[in-house]
Protein backbone atom coordinates (compact mmCIF):
# COMPACT_ATOMS: atom_id res chain seq x y z
CA MET A 1 9.13 -2.77 -57.30
CA LYS A 2 7.41 -0.07 -55.32
CA ARG A 3 4.67 -2.55 -54.54
CA ILE A 4 7.21 -5.08 -53.29
CA VAL A 5 8.96 -2.55 -51.05
CA SER A 6 5.56 -1.41 -49.74
CA ALA A 7 4.56 -5.00 -48.94
CA ILE A 8 7.77 -5.59 -47.08
CA LEU A 9 7.33 -2.48 -44.95
CA CYS A 10 3.70 -3.41 -44.15
CA PHE A 11 4.84 -6.92 -43.19
CA SER A 12 7.50 -5.51 -40.93
CA MET A 13 5.18 -3.18 -39.17
CA VAL A 14 2.61 -5.90 -38.57
CA MET A 15 5.33 -8.18 -37.08
CA ALA A 16 6.54 -5.37 -34.81
CA MET A 17 3.01 -4.80 -33.54
CA LEU A 18 2.54 -8.51 -32.88
CA SER A 19 5.92 -8.66 -31.09
CA GLY A 20 4.87 -5.68 -28.91
CA CYS A 21 1.73 -7.58 -27.90
CA SER A 22 3.42 -10.85 -27.15
CA GLY A 23 3.16 -10.41 -23.40
CA ASN A 24 6.86 -10.05 -22.64
CA PRO A 25 6.95 -10.63 -18.92
CA ALA A 26 9.83 -8.26 -18.41
CA VAL A 27 7.67 -5.45 -19.85
CA SER A 28 4.20 -6.24 -18.63
CA THR A 29 5.17 -6.58 -15.02
CA ALA A 30 7.26 -3.35 -14.90
CA VAL A 31 5.44 -1.24 -12.35
CA SER A 32 8.21 1.10 -11.16
CA GLY A 33 10.52 3.61 -12.74
CA SER A 34 9.81 5.45 -15.97
CA ALA A 35 7.07 4.54 -18.32
CA SER A 36 7.69 1.50 -20.51
CA SER A 37 7.49 1.85 -24.24
CA LYS A 38 6.53 -1.74 -24.87
CA GLY A 39 4.07 -4.27 -23.56
CA GLU A 40 0.55 -4.17 -22.18
CA PRO A 41 0.11 -2.20 -18.99
CA LYS A 42 -0.44 -4.11 -15.80
CA LYS A 43 -4.13 -3.92 -14.74
CA VAL A 44 -4.91 -3.14 -11.18
CA THR A 45 -8.25 -2.56 -9.43
CA LEU A 46 -8.56 -0.50 -6.23
CA ASN A 47 -11.73 -0.27 -4.14
CA VAL A 48 -11.89 3.06 -2.30
CA MET A 49 -14.49 4.19 0.27
CA MET A 50 -14.69 7.84 1.34
CA SER A 51 -17.04 9.55 3.72
CA PHE A 52 -17.73 12.90 2.08
CA PRO A 53 -20.14 12.40 -0.82
CA ARG A 54 -20.39 16.18 -1.26
CA PHE A 55 -16.93 16.02 -2.72
CA MET A 56 -17.63 13.23 -5.20
CA ASP A 57 -16.78 15.28 -8.30
CA GLN A 58 -13.60 16.72 -6.93
CA MET A 59 -12.32 13.33 -5.75
CA GLN A 60 -13.26 11.59 -8.99
CA ALA A 61 -11.38 14.12 -10.93
CA TYR A 62 -8.29 13.81 -8.74
CA ILE A 63 -8.37 10.06 -8.95
CA ASP A 64 -8.57 10.29 -12.74
CA GLN A 65 -5.33 12.29 -12.64
CA PHE A 66 -3.75 9.59 -10.47
CA LYS A 67 -4.78 6.90 -13.03
CA GLN A 68 -3.16 8.90 -15.84
CA LYS A 69 0.01 9.29 -13.75
CA GLU A 70 0.29 5.60 -12.96
CA LEU A 71 -0.16 4.68 -16.57
CA ALA A 72 2.43 7.21 -17.84
CA GLU A 73 5.00 6.58 -15.14
CA LYS A 74 4.61 2.99 -14.19
CA ASN A 75 2.64 1.45 -17.03
CA VAL A 76 -0.12 0.43 -14.63
CA ASP A 77 -3.68 0.66 -15.84
CA VAL A 78 -5.65 1.38 -12.59
CA THR A 79 -9.38 0.96 -12.21
CA VAL A 80 -10.68 2.78 -9.15
CA ASN A 81 -14.02 1.87 -7.77
CA LEU A 82 -14.91 4.95 -5.67
CA GLU A 83 -17.77 4.60 -3.14
CA MET A 84 -19.09 7.45 -1.06
CA PRO A 85 -22.03 6.30 1.08
CA SER A 86 -24.06 8.94 2.83
CA SER A 87 -22.69 10.12 6.15
CA ASP A 88 -25.38 8.43 8.22
CA GLN A 89 -24.58 5.04 6.57
CA PHE A 90 -20.87 5.27 6.07
CA GLU A 91 -19.56 3.94 9.39
CA THR A 92 -21.92 1.03 9.49
CA THR A 93 -21.18 0.11 5.86
CA LEU A 94 -17.40 0.42 6.39
CA LYS A 95 -17.40 -1.71 9.55
CA THR A 96 -19.49 -4.40 7.77
CA ARG A 97 -17.06 -4.41 4.82
CA LEU A 98 -13.97 -4.52 7.03
CA SER A 99 -15.31 -7.50 9.03
CA SER A 100 -15.99 -9.48 5.84
CA ASN A 101 -13.94 -10.50 2.83
CA ASP A 102 -15.03 -7.40 0.96
CA ALA A 103 -12.75 -4.76 2.65
CA PRO A 104 -11.82 -1.70 0.60
CA ASP A 105 -8.20 -1.11 -0.22
CA LEU A 106 -8.35 2.44 1.00
CA PHE A 107 -10.93 4.15 3.24
CA THR A 108 -11.47 7.23 5.28
CA ILE A 109 -11.92 7.40 9.10
CA SER A 110 -11.71 10.22 11.61
CA ALA A 111 -8.19 10.50 12.89
CA ASN A 112 -9.30 12.21 16.08
CA ALA A 113 -12.04 9.72 17.01
CA ASP A 114 -11.23 6.46 15.32
CA LEU A 115 -7.44 6.03 14.84
CA ALA A 116 -6.81 3.98 17.99
CA THR A 117 -9.84 1.75 17.49
CA TYR A 118 -9.16 0.81 13.85
CA GLN A 119 -5.43 0.39 14.53
CA LYS A 120 -6.05 -2.04 17.42
CA ALA A 121 -8.40 -3.98 15.23
CA GLY A 122 -5.66 -4.48 12.74
CA TYR A 123 -7.23 -2.75 9.79
CA LEU A 124 -4.59 -0.08 9.22
CA MET A 125 -1.27 -0.30 7.36
CA ASP A 126 1.79 1.43 8.90
CA LEU A 127 2.59 4.34 6.60
CA SER A 128 5.49 5.64 8.62
CA SER A 129 8.04 5.04 5.81
CA GLN A 130 5.96 6.59 3.08
CA PRO A 131 7.22 9.78 1.23
CA PHE A 132 4.21 11.91 2.27
CA VAL A 133 5.01 11.63 5.98
CA SER A 134 8.08 13.91 5.70
CA LYS A 135 5.88 16.65 4.26
CA LEU A 136 3.40 16.78 7.16
CA TYR A 137 3.42 19.67 9.56
CA PRO A 138 4.66 18.33 12.88
CA ASN A 139 1.48 19.09 14.71
CA VAL A 140 -0.65 17.48 11.98
CA LYS A 141 1.65 14.50 12.02
CA LYS A 142 0.83 13.94 15.67
CA THR A 143 -2.90 13.73 14.83
CA VAL A 144 -2.41 10.75 12.48
CA THR A 145 0.20 9.01 14.70
CA TYR A 146 -0.56 6.18 17.13
CA ASP A 147 2.02 4.41 19.23
CA GLY A 148 4.80 6.17 17.36
CA LYS A 149 3.68 5.20 13.89
CA VAL A 150 1.89 7.10 11.17
CA TYR A 151 -1.31 5.32 9.92
CA LEU A 152 -3.26 7.99 8.03
CA VAL A 153 -3.12 10.58 5.31
CA PRO A 154 -4.70 13.71 6.80
CA PHE A 155 -7.49 15.28 4.82
CA GLU A 156 -10.02 17.45 6.58
CA SER A 157 -8.92 19.39 9.65
CA THR A 158 -10.23 22.10 11.89
CA ILE A 159 -7.99 24.78 13.24
CA TRP A 160 -9.74 27.16 15.61
CA GLY A 161 -9.51 29.40 18.64
CA TYR A 162 -11.65 32.47 19.45
CA LEU A 163 -12.77 34.83 16.66
CA TYR A 164 -12.12 38.52 16.69
CA ASN A 165 -13.20 41.61 14.67
CA GLN A 166 -10.03 42.84 12.97
CA ASP A 167 -11.54 46.33 12.32
CA ILE A 168 -12.30 46.82 16.01
CA PHE A 169 -8.85 45.67 16.97
CA ASP A 170 -7.24 48.03 14.46
CA LYS A 171 -9.35 51.02 15.67
CA CYS A 172 -8.39 50.34 19.25
CA GLY A 173 -4.69 49.65 18.45
CA ILE A 174 -4.94 46.06 19.80
CA THR A 175 -2.66 43.18 18.97
CA VAL A 176 -3.63 39.57 19.56
CA PRO A 177 -2.74 38.76 23.18
CA ASP A 178 -0.40 35.89 24.19
CA THR A 179 -0.98 35.79 27.97
CA LEU A 180 -4.03 36.11 30.27
CA ASP A 181 -2.70 39.48 31.57
CA ASP A 182 -2.42 40.71 27.97
CA MET A 183 -6.06 39.60 27.41
CA LYS A 184 -7.17 41.52 30.47
CA LYS A 185 -5.52 44.63 29.00
CA VAL A 186 -7.31 44.01 25.68
CA VAL A 187 -10.62 43.78 27.59
CA ALA A 188 -9.89 47.03 29.48
CA THR A 189 -8.96 48.85 26.25
CA LEU A 190 -12.13 47.72 24.49
CA LYS A 191 -14.33 48.81 27.33
CA ALA A 192 -12.56 52.18 27.55
CA LYS A 193 -13.22 52.64 23.76
CA GLY A 194 -16.92 51.75 24.15
CA TYR A 195 -16.83 48.17 22.88
CA THR A 196 -18.24 45.02 24.50
CA PRO A 197 -15.29 42.57 24.55
CA PHE A 198 -17.08 39.22 24.15
CA GLU A 199 -20.14 37.94 22.34
CA LEU A 200 -22.02 35.48 24.61
CA ALA A 201 -24.52 33.06 23.01
CA PHE A 202 -25.23 30.39 25.64
CA GLN A 203 -28.74 29.24 24.64
CA GLU A 204 -27.24 25.97 23.19
CA GLN A 205 -24.98 24.16 25.58
CA TRP A 206 -22.40 23.29 22.96
CA VAL A 207 -21.37 26.97 22.63
CA PRO A 208 -20.33 27.62 26.15
CA GLN A 209 -18.62 24.20 26.13
CA LEU A 210 -16.20 25.64 23.56
CA MET A 211 -14.69 27.61 26.41
CA THR A 212 -13.83 24.38 28.21
CA ALA A 213 -12.48 22.84 24.95
CA LEU A 214 -10.01 25.78 24.53
CA THR A 215 -9.02 26.30 28.14
CA LEU A 216 -8.52 22.64 28.93
CA GLY A 217 -6.79 22.07 25.61
CA GLY A 218 -4.26 24.85 26.18
CA LEU A 219 -3.60 24.19 29.86
CA VAL A 220 -3.45 20.40 29.64
CA SER A 221 -1.40 20.20 26.41
CA GLY A 222 1.01 22.81 27.70
CA SER A 223 1.44 22.19 31.45
CA ASN A 224 -0.30 19.00 32.39
CA PRO A 225 0.09 16.56 29.48
CA ASP A 226 -0.85 13.47 31.55
CA TRP A 227 -4.19 14.85 32.85
CA VAL A 228 -6.47 13.24 30.27
CA LYS A 229 -4.70 9.84 30.59
CA ASN A 230 -5.01 10.04 34.41
CA MET A 231 -8.66 11.04 34.26
CA TYR A 232 -9.37 7.91 32.19
CA ALA A 233 -7.52 5.91 34.90
CA ASP A 234 -9.52 7.69 37.71
CA LYS A 235 -6.23 9.16 39.05
CA ALA A 236 -6.81 12.88 38.43
CA SER A 237 -9.48 15.56 39.11
CA TYR A 238 -10.78 18.74 37.67
CA LYS A 239 -9.17 20.33 40.74
CA ASP A 240 -5.84 19.93 38.91
CA VAL A 241 -7.14 22.22 36.10
CA ALA A 242 -9.31 24.59 38.15
CA SER A 243 -7.37 27.56 36.76
CA ILE A 244 -9.44 27.28 33.54
CA PHE A 245 -12.01 29.40 35.37
CA ASP A 246 -9.66 32.42 35.10
CA PRO A 247 -10.19 32.96 31.35
CA ILE A 248 -13.78 31.63 31.65
CA ASP A 249 -14.67 34.22 34.30
CA LEU A 250 -12.97 36.98 32.26
CA ILE A 251 -15.21 36.12 29.28
CA MET A 252 -18.43 35.69 31.20
CA GLN A 253 -17.90 38.93 33.13
CA ASN A 254 -17.18 41.02 30.09
CA GLY A 255 -19.74 39.83 27.53
CA THR A 256 -23.04 40.82 25.84
CA ALA A 257 -26.19 40.60 27.87
CA ARG A 258 -29.01 38.11 27.63
CA ALA A 259 -26.66 35.24 26.81
CA MET A 260 -29.12 32.50 27.69
CA GLU A 261 -31.65 33.97 25.24
CA THR A 262 -29.11 34.18 22.38
CA GLY A 263 -28.54 31.21 20.12
CA SER A 264 -25.48 30.49 18.05
CA GLU A 265 -26.86 31.87 14.83
CA GLN A 266 -27.93 35.06 16.48
CA GLY A 267 -24.63 35.28 18.13
CA CYS A 268 -22.91 35.12 14.76
CA THR A 269 -25.15 37.88 13.39
CA ASP A 270 -24.61 40.09 16.43
CA PHE A 271 -20.84 39.52 16.33
CA ALA A 272 -20.77 40.39 12.61
CA ASN A 273 -22.61 43.61 13.26
CA GLY A 274 -20.08 44.71 15.81
CA LYS A 275 -21.95 44.13 19.02
CA ALA A 276 -18.80 42.54 20.46
CA ALA A 277 -15.11 42.42 19.55
CA MET A 278 -14.50 38.72 20.23
CA PHE A 279 -16.51 35.54 20.08
CA VAL A 280 -15.49 32.11 21.39
CA ASP A 281 -16.64 30.14 18.47
CA GLY A 282 -14.86 28.13 15.77
CA THR A 283 -13.97 28.93 12.12
CA TRP A 284 -17.03 26.83 11.15
CA ALA A 285 -19.07 29.95 12.13
CA SER A 286 -17.45 31.99 9.38
CA GLU A 287 -20.20 31.21 6.85
CA ALA A 288 -22.97 32.55 9.13
CA ILE A 289 -20.87 35.53 10.14
CA LEU A 290 -20.10 36.52 6.59
CA LYS A 291 -23.66 35.98 5.52
CA ALA A 292 -24.57 38.75 7.98
CA LYS A 293 -21.68 41.02 6.92
CA PRO A 294 -19.79 39.82 3.86
CA ASP A 295 -17.04 42.44 4.10
CA MET A 296 -16.21 41.74 7.74
CA LYS A 297 -12.50 41.29 8.51
CA LEU A 298 -12.41 38.18 10.60
CA GLY A 299 -9.47 37.07 12.74
CA VAL A 300 -8.65 33.89 14.68
CA GLY A 301 -6.55 33.95 17.83
CA ALA A 302 -5.31 31.39 20.42
CA LEU A 303 -7.18 31.87 23.67
CA PRO A 304 -4.65 32.59 26.54
CA VAL A 305 -5.31 30.26 29.51
CA ASP A 306 -2.63 31.72 31.85
CA ASN A 307 0.46 33.85 31.76
CA ASN A 308 2.64 31.23 30.12
CA PRO A 309 2.62 32.07 26.35
CA LYS A 310 3.63 28.42 25.61
CA ASN A 311 0.19 27.41 26.74
CA THR A 312 -1.48 29.85 24.28
CA MET A 313 -2.10 27.49 21.40
CA ILE A 314 -4.62 26.96 18.65
CA ASN A 315 -6.89 23.86 18.72
CA LEU A 316 -6.09 21.43 15.83
CA ALA A 317 -8.19 18.45 15.08
CA THR A 318 -7.74 16.21 12.07
CA THR A 319 -11.04 14.55 11.16
CA THR A 320 -11.49 12.76 7.79
CA SER A 321 -8.26 10.94 6.90
CA LEU A 322 -7.27 8.22 4.43
CA ALA A 323 -6.13 4.75 5.47
CA VAL A 324 -4.68 1.89 3.52
CA HIS A 325 -6.04 -1.58 4.51
CA ALA A 326 -3.38 -3.60 6.21
CA ASN A 327 -4.13 -6.63 4.06
CA THR A 328 -4.77 -4.99 0.64
CA LYS A 329 -3.76 -7.27 -2.33
CA GLU A 330 -2.68 -4.24 -4.32
CA LYS A 331 -0.21 -2.77 -1.77
CA GLU A 332 2.06 -0.94 -4.23
CA THR A 333 -0.67 0.84 -6.12
CA ALA A 334 -2.68 1.54 -3.00
CA LEU A 335 0.40 3.20 -1.45
CA ASP A 336 0.94 5.18 -4.67
CA LEU A 337 -2.59 6.59 -4.30
CA ALA A 338 -2.09 7.40 -0.64
CA ASN A 339 1.07 9.29 -1.42
CA TYR A 340 -0.57 11.03 -4.41
CA MET A 341 -3.07 12.68 -1.92
CA LEU A 342 -0.12 14.94 -0.86
CA ASP A 343 1.52 15.21 -4.34
CA ASP A 344 3.92 18.14 -4.47
CA LYS A 345 2.39 19.29 -7.79
CA ASP A 346 -1.33 18.47 -7.69
CA SER A 347 -2.49 18.31 -4.07
CA SER A 348 -2.60 22.03 -3.44
CA LYS A 349 -5.41 22.53 -5.93
CA LEU A 350 -7.30 19.50 -4.48
CA TYR A 351 -7.18 20.84 -0.97
CA LYS A 352 -8.15 24.33 -2.11
CA ASP A 353 -11.05 22.97 -4.13
CA LEU A 354 -12.17 21.02 -1.06
CA MET A 355 -11.64 24.20 1.05
CA PHE A 356 -9.53 22.20 3.50
CA ASN A 357 -6.72 23.63 5.62
CA PRO A 358 -3.08 23.04 4.54
CA VAL A 359 -1.66 20.04 6.32
CA ALA A 360 1.77 19.70 4.71
CA THR A 361 4.72 21.73 3.38
CA CYS A 362 3.71 20.89 -0.22
CA HIS A 363 0.56 22.98 0.15
CA ASN A 364 0.83 26.48 -1.22
CA TYR A 365 -2.53 28.08 -2.01
CA ASP A 366 -4.56 31.13 -1.06
CA GLN A 367 -6.76 30.71 2.07
CA TYR A 368 -9.30 32.95 3.57
CA SER A 369 -7.66 35.53 5.77
CA TRP A 370 -8.86 33.95 9.01
CA ALA A 371 -7.75 30.54 7.94
CA LYS A 372 -4.30 31.92 7.32
CA LYS A 373 -4.20 33.39 10.80
CA ALA A 374 -5.11 30.05 12.32
CA SER A 375 -2.77 28.09 10.09
CA ALA A 376 0.13 30.41 11.13
CA TYR A 377 -0.13 29.00 14.61
CA VAL A 378 0.22 25.44 13.32
CA GLU A 379 3.17 26.24 11.15
CA LYS A 380 4.93 27.78 14.16
CA GLY A 381 4.28 24.66 16.21
CA ARG A 382 1.73 26.48 18.45
CA ALA A 383 -1.10 24.00 18.22
CA TYR A 384 -2.43 21.05 20.19
CA THR A 385 -4.42 18.03 19.26
CA ASP A 386 -8.10 18.28 20.21
CA LEU A 387 -8.59 16.50 23.46
CA VAL A 388 -10.59 13.26 23.28
CA LEU A 389 -13.05 13.17 26.15
CA PRO A 390 -16.11 11.01 26.63
CA ASN A 391 -19.23 12.39 25.09
CA ALA A 392 -21.01 12.40 28.42
CA VAL A 393 -18.16 14.57 29.83
CA THR A 394 -18.35 17.05 26.95
CA ASP A 395 -22.13 17.34 27.24
CA GLU A 396 -22.02 17.78 31.08
CA GLN A 397 -19.36 20.60 30.77
CA GLY A 398 -21.70 22.53 28.53
CA LYS A 399 -24.72 22.17 30.91
CA LEU A 400 -22.65 23.17 33.91
CA LEU A 401 -21.24 26.16 32.27
CA GLN A 402 -24.71 27.43 31.50
CA SER A 403 -25.61 26.89 35.19
CA TYR A 404 -22.35 28.55 36.25
CA TYR A 405 -23.12 31.55 34.16
CA LEU A 406 -26.51 31.80 35.88
CA LYS A 407 -24.77 31.51 39.23
CA LYS A 408 -26.67 28.28 40.06
CA THR A 409 -23.46 26.24 40.15
CA THR A 410 -20.23 27.12 41.89
CA LYS A 411 -16.64 26.20 40.82
CA GLU A 412 -16.53 23.59 43.50
CA GLN A 413 -19.82 22.06 42.42
CA PHE A 414 -18.66 22.02 38.75
CA ILE A 415 -15.45 20.15 39.77
CA GLU A 416 -17.29 17.63 41.89
CA THR A 417 -19.91 16.92 39.13
CA MET A 418 -17.29 16.66 36.35
CA ASP A 419 -15.14 14.20 38.42
CA LYS A 420 -18.21 12.05 39.03
CA THR A 421 -19.28 12.23 35.43
CA PHE A 422 -15.86 11.23 34.13
CA LYS A 423 -15.70 8.19 36.52
CA GLU A 424 -19.22 7.09 35.47
CA ALA A 425 -18.19 7.34 31.84
CA ASN A 426 -15.11 5.24 32.55
CA LYS A 427 -17.22 2.65 34.35
CA ALA A 428 -19.71 2.47 31.48
CA ALA A 429 -16.94 1.98 28.92
CA ALA A 430 -15.38 -0.84 31.03
CA GLN A 431 -18.71 -2.62 31.28
CA ALA A 432 -19.23 -2.30 27.51
CA LYS A 433 -15.94 -3.96 26.85
CA GLY A 434 -16.39 -6.85 29.09
C-alpha cells in the first residue's frame, strides 16, 4: 500500500512540474508587479556601452545586482553585455555603432559636452517621466536637461571652486566670503597675520584659465544669463563682463611670487605646505595636495565675483551620464536599468565606490570633507552649470591671462582679442556644418 501511495505522490509531483513548464503565456510574459511563482522567466538581452573601463569591476557587480532584482521582482532573466572600450576609442566606437544597426541599448556620453548633439541626432530617449528624475538635485537636473526634457542619468560630476586651507582660516578667524568686499577683507586679514593669500601657478595656461571659468561662470549665470548665447550669435562682447577682472586682479596682486615658473603640481605642493591660504584650482587637485600633506584640512569655496552674493556660486559640471537609445527594442528593461542607477537602496554604495559626488536625494554616504563643502552649495541651489565655450576660446583665455599677469596685455587688449577669437570660432563652426 505504501508503495502505491508513494507512486501516486511521485506521479503528482512530476505532473505539477510539467504543468509549471508548459509555457503558460499569462505567466511567462509577466514582466511587472511582484515575482511570479510559476512559469519560465522572460529572457531579455541588453547591450550596454560605458566609457570608464577603470570601473569595470564596480559596474559589473552593480549590474549583477540589477539582474537579480529583475528576476526576483519581474520574473525577467536579463543578460547584460557590458562593453567598456578604452577612453581614446570610446567615442569613435560609439558613433560607429549608433550609425549602424548595432546600436547599444544604453550608453554613456558627457552631459556637458554631448547632450545637445546626440539629442538632435535622435539617439536619446526622453526620460522625463521616469522615477529617478524626481530624485535629482535641481542644479544637477539642469545639466541633463535639453529643451525642457531630461535625457540622461547623471553619473560623474565635478563640483569645484577655489581651494582653501582650513587650518589657516581657523587660525585667522576667517569664514568663507560671500561677496568680493568680504574676500578683500579676507585678503587683508591674511596679510596682516603673515600669510600669502593666493597660490599662483601659471606656468601651464590651463591653470590661470580656471579664474576665467569661475568668474565668467558666476557672473554670467547670475546676472547675464544670455551672454553665452549672444556670443555664439555674435551679438555680445567681453566688454559686457569686464568686471571679471575685479576678482582676477585681487588674486594676481595678492599671490605667491614666480608664478610663471611654477607648474600645477608644484603649486599643489606649495599650497599643501602652507605657502598660501587659497588656490584657484579644482577638487581634482586634492590627490596631489594630500600626497604632499596627507593630514591637510582642505576646503572648497565659491569664488565671489562681485558684491551680489547670489552670483557667488560653485561650478557644477556633469560629465559621464547614461542614456537610453531612443529605438531600443527592450525599452521596459532598459528603463528599469536606467532607474536602478539611482536606486534608493543600492545606488549610494555604487556612487561611493566610484568616488562620485552625490547627484540625487537618494544619496546618503560619507564624502571627503572638501567634497561635502562643495556639495553643500549644490544642495542649497548655489551652483551653476559649467559654461560651454569653444575650445579655441578657452585656450586663448589661458594664454591671455598669462600675458596679462606679465603686464604684456591690457584689459582692453584682452577684450578685443577674445571677441575676435569667439567670432572666428563661430565662423569655423558654421563652415564645418555647411
